[in-house]
Amino acid sequence: FKVLGNGGVKRGHAFKSHILTKKTTKTKRQLRGTAMVNERDMASVAKMLPYA
């Protein structure tokens, strides 16, 4: 996780660490990079990041 200047939180994608042979190339490509934490999850993520 990384807290951004606008208050949003950046996260990595799940399902990208192992058992990749059965996943399509398109799926693996789309799981690269980062995504933003949904606003509904921000309260629980903020509790997990005490210094953010």
PDB file of N, CA and C in Angstrom:
ATOM      1  N   PHE A   1       0.839  -1.187   0.000  1.00  0.00           N
ATOM      2  CA  PHE A   1       0.000   0.000   0.000  1.00  0.00           C
ATOM      3  C   PHE A   1       0.877   1.242   0.000  1.00  0.00           C
ATOM      4  N   LYS A   2       0.366   2.296  -0.620  1.00  0.00           N
ATOM      5  CA  LYS A   2       1.058   3.577  -0.587  1.00  0.00           C
ATOM      6  C   LYS A   2       0.004   4.668  -0.551  1.00  0.00           C
ATOM      7  N   VAL A   3       0.164   5.594   0.387  1.00  0.00           N
ATOM      8  CA  VAL A   3      -0.772   6.707   0.508  1.00  0.00           C
ATOM      9  C   VAL A   3      -0.323   7.813  -0.430  1.00  0.00           C
ATOM     10  N   LEU A   4      -1.240   8.331  -1.220  1.00  0.00           N
ATOM     11  CA  LEU A   4      -0.940   9.372  -2.190  1.00  0.00           C
ATOM     12  C   LEU A   4      -1.213  10.746  -1.599  1.00  0.00           C
ATOM     13  N   GLY A   5      -0.790  11.765  -2.299  1.00  0.00           N
ATOM     14  CA  GLY A   5      -0.957  13.121  -1.816  1.00  0.00           C
ATOM     15  C   GLY A   5      -2.399  13.562  -1.729  1.00  0.00           C
ATOM     16  N   ASN A   6      -3.264  13.004  -2.568  1.00  0.00           N
ATOM     17  CA  ASN A   6      -4.670  13.406  -2.539  1.00  0.00           C
ATOM     18  C   ASN A   6      -5.478  12.614  -1.516  1.00  0.00           C
ATOM     19  N   GLY A   7      -4.810  11.773  -0.724  1.00  0.00           N
ATOM     20  CA  GLY A   7      -5.506  10.999   0.298  1.00  0.00           C
ATOM     21  C   GLY A   7      -5.906   9.612  -0.146  1.00  0.00           C
ATOM     22  N   GLY A   8      -5.736   9.304  -1.415  1.00  0.00           N
ATOM     23  CA  GLY A   8      -6.060   7.973  -1.902  1.00  0.00           C
ATOM     24  C   GLY A   8      -4.973   6.980  -1.531  1.00  0.00           C
ATOM     25  N   VAL A   9      -5.286   5.709  -1.654  1.00  0.00           N
ATOM     26  CA  VAL A   9      -4.320   4.663  -1.338  1.00  0.00           C
ATOM     27  C   VAL A   9      -4.173   3.760  -2.553  1.00  0.00           C
ATOM     28  N   LYS A  10      -2.926   3.529  -2.930  1.00  0.00           N
ATOM     29  CA  LYS A  10      -2.599   2.692  -4.068  1.00  0.00           C
ATOM     30  C   LYS A  10      -2.355   1.274  -3.563  1.00  0.00           C
ATOM     31  N   ARG A  11      -2.779   0.273  -4.335  1.00  0.00           N
ATOM     32  CA  ARG A  11      -2.597  -1.116  -3.933  1.00  0.00           C
ATOM     33  C   ARG A  11      -2.157  -1.942  -5.131  1.00  0.00           C
ATOM     34  N   GLY A  12      -1.595  -3.089  -4.838  1.00  0.00           N
ATOM     35  CA  GLY A  12      -1.243  -4.028  -5.888  1.00  0.00           C
ATOM     36  C   GLY A  12      -2.390  -4.978  -6.160  1.00  0.00           C
ATOM     37  N   HIS A  13      -2.329  -5.661  -7.294  1.00  0.00           N
ATOM     38  CA  HIS A  13      -3.371  -6.611  -7.651  1.00  0.00           C
ATOM     39  C   HIS A  13      -3.117  -7.958  -6.977  1.00  0.00           C
ATOM     40  N   ALA A  14      -4.186  -8.680  -6.679  1.00  0.00           N
ATOM     41  CA  ALA A  14      -4.095 -10.040  -6.155  1.00  0.00           C
ATOM     42  C   ALA A  14      -4.056 -11.030  -7.313  1.00  0.00           C
ATOM     43  N   PHE A  15      -3.853 -12.299  -6.996  1.00  0.00           N
ATOM     44  CA  PHE A  15      -3.881 -13.404  -7.967  1.00  0.00           C
ATOM     45  C   PHE A  15      -2.764 -13.311  -9.000  1.00  0.00           C
ATOM     46  N   LYS A  16      -1.603 -12.801  -8.624  1.00  0.00           N
ATOM     47  CA  LYS A  16      -0.522 -12.624  -9.590  1.00  0.00           C
ATOM     48  C   LYS A  16       0.789 -13.231  -9.095  1.00  0.00           C
ATOM     49  N   SER A  17       0.773 -14.079  -8.066  1.00  0.00           N
ATOM     50  CA  SER A  17       2.033 -14.556  -7.511  1.00  0.00           C
ATOM     51  C   SER A  17       2.385 -15.987  -7.902  1.00  0.00           C
ATOM     52  N   HIS A  18       1.411 -16.858  -8.050  1.00  0.00           N
ATOM     53  CA  HIS A  18       1.707 -18.238  -8.432  1.00  0.00           C
ATOM     54  C   HIS A  18       0.492 -18.830  -9.136  1.00  0.00           C
ATOM     55  N   ILE A  19       0.658 -20.057  -9.648  1.00  0.00           N
ATOM     56  CA  ILE A  19      -0.354 -20.745 -10.462  1.00  0.00           C
ATOM     57  C   ILE A  19      -0.758 -19.846 -11.636  1.00  0.00           C
ATOM     58  N   LEU A  20       0.252 -19.373 -12.360  1.00  0.00           N
ATOM     59  CA  LEU A  20      -0.006 -18.465 -13.469  1.00  0.00           C
ATOM     60  C   LEU A  20      -0.184 -19.193 -14.796  1.00  0.00           C
ATOM     61  N   THR A  21       0.080 -20.492 -14.827  1.00  0.00           N
ATOM     62  CA  THR A  21       0.021 -21.195 -16.106  1.00  0.00           C
ATOM     63  C   THR A  21      -1.401 -21.314 -16.625  1.00  0.00           C
ATOM     64  N   LYS A  22      -2.364 -21.417 -15.754  1.00  0.00           N
ATOM     65  CA  LYS A  22      -3.754 -21.543 -16.209  1.00  0.00           C
ATOM     66  C   LYS A  22      -4.407 -20.192 -16.490  1.00  0.00           C
ATOM     67  N   LYS A  23      -3.737 -19.115 -16.156  1.00  0.00           N
ATOM     68  CA  LYS A  23      -4.288 -17.787 -16.416  1.00  0.00           C
ATOM     69  C   LYS A  23      -3.871 -17.343 -17.818  1.00  0.00           C
ATOM     70  N   THR A  24      -4.762 -16.646 -18.482  1.00  0.00           N
ATOM     71  CA  THR A  24      -4.469 -16.202 -19.837  1.00  0.00           C
ATOM     72  C   THR A  24      -3.463 -15.059 -19.820  1.00  0.00           C
ATOM     73  N   THR A  25      -2.838 -14.839 -20.958  1.00  0.00           N
ATOM     74  CA  THR A  25      -1.885 -13.739 -21.085  1.00  0.00           C
ATOM     75  C   THR A  25      -2.573 -12.408 -20.836  1.00  0.00           C
ATOM     76  N   LYS A  26      -3.799 -12.276 -21.299  1.00  0.00           N
ATOM     77  CA  LYS A  26      -4.550 -11.043 -21.091  1.00  0.00           C
ATOM     78  C   LYS A  26      -4.787 -10.792 -19.605  1.00  0.00           C
ATOM     79  N   THR A  27      -5.156 -11.833 -18.872  1.00  0.00           N
ATOM     80  CA  THR A  27      -5.401 -11.686 -17.436  1.00  0.00           C
ATOM     81  C   THR A  27      -4.136 -11.272 -16.708  1.00  0.00           C
ATOM     82  N   LYS A  28      -3.021 -11.931 -17.020  1.00  0.00           N
ATOM     83  CA  LYS A  28      -1.760 -11.604 -16.363  1.00  0.00           C
ATOM     84  C   LYS A  28      -1.314 -10.190 -16.696  1.00  0.00           C
ATOM     85  N   ARG A  29      -1.548  -9.760 -17.924  1.00  0.00           N
ATOM     86  CA  ARG A  29      -1.174  -8.405 -18.319  1.00  0.00           C
ATOM     87  C   ARG A  29      -2.013  -7.374 -17.577  1.00  0.00           C
ATOM     88  N   GLN A  30      -3.306  -7.652 -17.416  1.00  0.00           N
ATOM     89  CA  GLN A  30      -4.182  -6.697 -16.742  1.00  0.00           C
ATOM     90  C   GLN A  30      -3.937  -6.637 -15.236  1.00  0.00           C
ATOM     91  N   LEU A  31      -3.305  -7.668 -14.672  1.00  0.00           N
ATOM     92  CA  LEU A  31      -3.007  -7.671 -13.243  1.00  0.00           C
ATOM     93  C   LEU A  31      -1.702  -6.954 -12.917  1.00  0.00           C
ATOM     94  N   ARG A  32      -0.974  -6.512 -13.932  1.00  0.00           N
ATOM     95  CA  ARG A  32       0.249  -5.753 -13.676  1.00  0.00           C
ATOM     96  C   ARG A  32      -0.096  -4.379 -13.126  1.00  0.00           C
ATOM     97  N   GLY A  33       0.908  -3.736 -12.560  1.00  0.00           N
ATOM     98  CA  GLY A  33       0.709  -2.365 -12.117  1.00  0.00           C
ATOM     99  C   GLY A  33      -0.075  -2.278 -10.825  1.00  0.00           C
ATOM    100  N   THR A  34      -0.708  -1.149 -10.613  1.00  0.00           N
ATOM    101  CA  THR A  34      -1.396  -0.887  -9.358  1.00  0.00           C
ATOM    102  C   THR A  34      -2.831  -0.472  -9.610  1.00  0.00           C
ATOM    103  N   ALA A  35      -3.592  -0.450  -8.538  1.00  0.00           N
ATOM    104  CA  ALA A  35      -4.979  -0.010  -8.580  1.00  0.00           C
ATOM    105  C   ALA A  35      -5.230   0.822  -7.333  1.00  0.00           C
ATOM    106  N   MET A  36      -6.359   1.484  -7.300  1.00  0.00           N
ATOM    107  CA  MET A  36      -6.704   2.309  -6.151  1.00  0.00           C
ATOM    108  C   MET A  36      -7.613   1.524  -5.207  1.00  0.00           C
ATOM    109  N   VAL A  37      -7.466   1.769  -3.905  1.00  0.00           N
ATOM    110  CA  VAL A  37      -8.347   1.158  -2.913  1.00  0.00           C
ATOM    111  C   VAL A  37      -9.707   1.825  -3.013  1.00  0.00           C
ATOM    112  N   ASN A  38     -10.758   1.029  -2.987  1.00  0.00           N
ATOM    113  CA  ASN A  38     -12.119   1.544  -3.061  1.00  0.00           C
ATOM    114  C   ASN A  38     -12.430   2.368  -1.814  1.00  0.00           C
ATOM    115  N   GLU A  39     -13.249   3.392  -1.974  1.00  0.00           N
ATOM    116  CA  GLU A  39     -13.580   4.264  -0.843  1.00  0.00           C
ATOM    117  C   GLU A  39     -14.273   3.509   0.282  1.00  0.00           C
ATOM    118  N   ARG A  40     -14.995   2.449  -0.045  1.00  0.00           N
ATOM    119  CA  ARG A  40     -15.679   1.671   0.992  1.00  0.00           C
ATOM    120  C   ARG A  40     -14.706   0.869   1.840  1.00  0.00           C
ATOM    121  N   ASP A  41     -13.511   0.629   1.335  1.00  0.00           N
ATOM    122  CA  ASP A  41     -12.502  -0.119   2.080  1.00  0.00           C
ATOM    123  C   ASP A  41     -11.500   0.791   2.783  1.00  0.00           C
ATOM    124  N   MET A  42     -11.611   2.091   2.604  1.00  0.00           N
ATOM    125  CA  MET A  42     -10.610   3.011   3.138  1.00  0.00           C
ATOM    126  C   MET A  42     -10.521   2.966   4.656  1.00  0.00           C
ATOM    127  N   ALA A  43     -11.642   2.797   5.357  1.00  0.00           N
ATOM    128  CA  ALA A  43     -11.615   2.790   6.821  1.00  0.00           C
ATOM    129  C   ALA A  43     -10.796   1.614   7.339  1.00  0.00           C
ATOM    130  N   SER A  44     -10.999   0.435   6.791  1.00  0.00           N
ATOM    131  CA  SER A  44     -10.251  -0.730   7.262  1.00  0.00           C
ATOM    132  C   SER A  44      -8.785  -0.657   6.842  1.00  0.00           C
ATOM    133  N   VAL A  45      -8.506  -0.095   5.671  1.00  0.00           N
ATOM    134  CA  VAL A  45      -7.117   0.043   5.235  1.00  0.00           C
ATOM    135  C   VAL A  45      -6.397   1.067   6.107  1.00  0.00           C
ATOM    136  N   ALA A  46      -7.073   2.124   6.494  1.00  0.00           N
ATOM    137  CA  ALA A  46      -6.455   3.144   7.346  1.00  0.00           C
ATOM    138  C   ALA A  46      -6.071   2.569   8.702  1.00  0.00           C
ATOM    139  N   LYS A  47      -6.849   1.631   9.215  1.00  0.00           N
ATOM    140  CA  LYS A  47      -6.504   0.990  10.488  1.00  0.00           C
ATOM    141  C   LYS A  47      -5.260   0.125  10.347  1.00  0.00           C
ATOM    142  N   MET A  48      -5.060  -0.438   9.170  1.00  0.00           N
ATOM    143  CA  MET A  48      -3.881  -1.281   8.946  1.00  0.00           C
ATOM    144  C   MET A  48      -2.627  -0.457   8.677  1.00  0.00           C
ATOM    145  N   LEU A  49      -2.774   0.833   8.362  1.00  0.00           N
ATOM    146  CA  LEU A  49      -1.636   1.706   8.076  1.00  0.00           C
ATOM    147  C   LEU A  49      -1.576   2.804   9.135  1.00  0.00           C
ATOM    148  N   PRO A  50      -1.070   2.493  10.333  1.00  0.00           N
ATOM    149  CA  PRO A  50      -1.169   3.457  11.435  1.00  0.00           C
ATOM    150  C   PRO A  50      -0.350   4.728  11.230  1.00  0.00           C
ATOM    151  N   TYR A  51       0.732   4.676  10.447  1.00  0.00           N
ATOM    152  CA  TYR A  51       1.580   5.857  10.285  1.00  0.00           C
ATOM    153  C   TYR A  51       1.286   6.616   9.010  1.00  0.00           C
ATOM    154  N   ALA A  52       0.259   6.223   8.290  1.00  0.00           N
ATOM    155  CA  ALA A  52      -0.056   6.871   7.020  1.00  0.00           C
ATOM    156  C   ALA A  52      -0.981   8.053   7.223  1.00  0.00           C
TER     157      ALA A  52
END
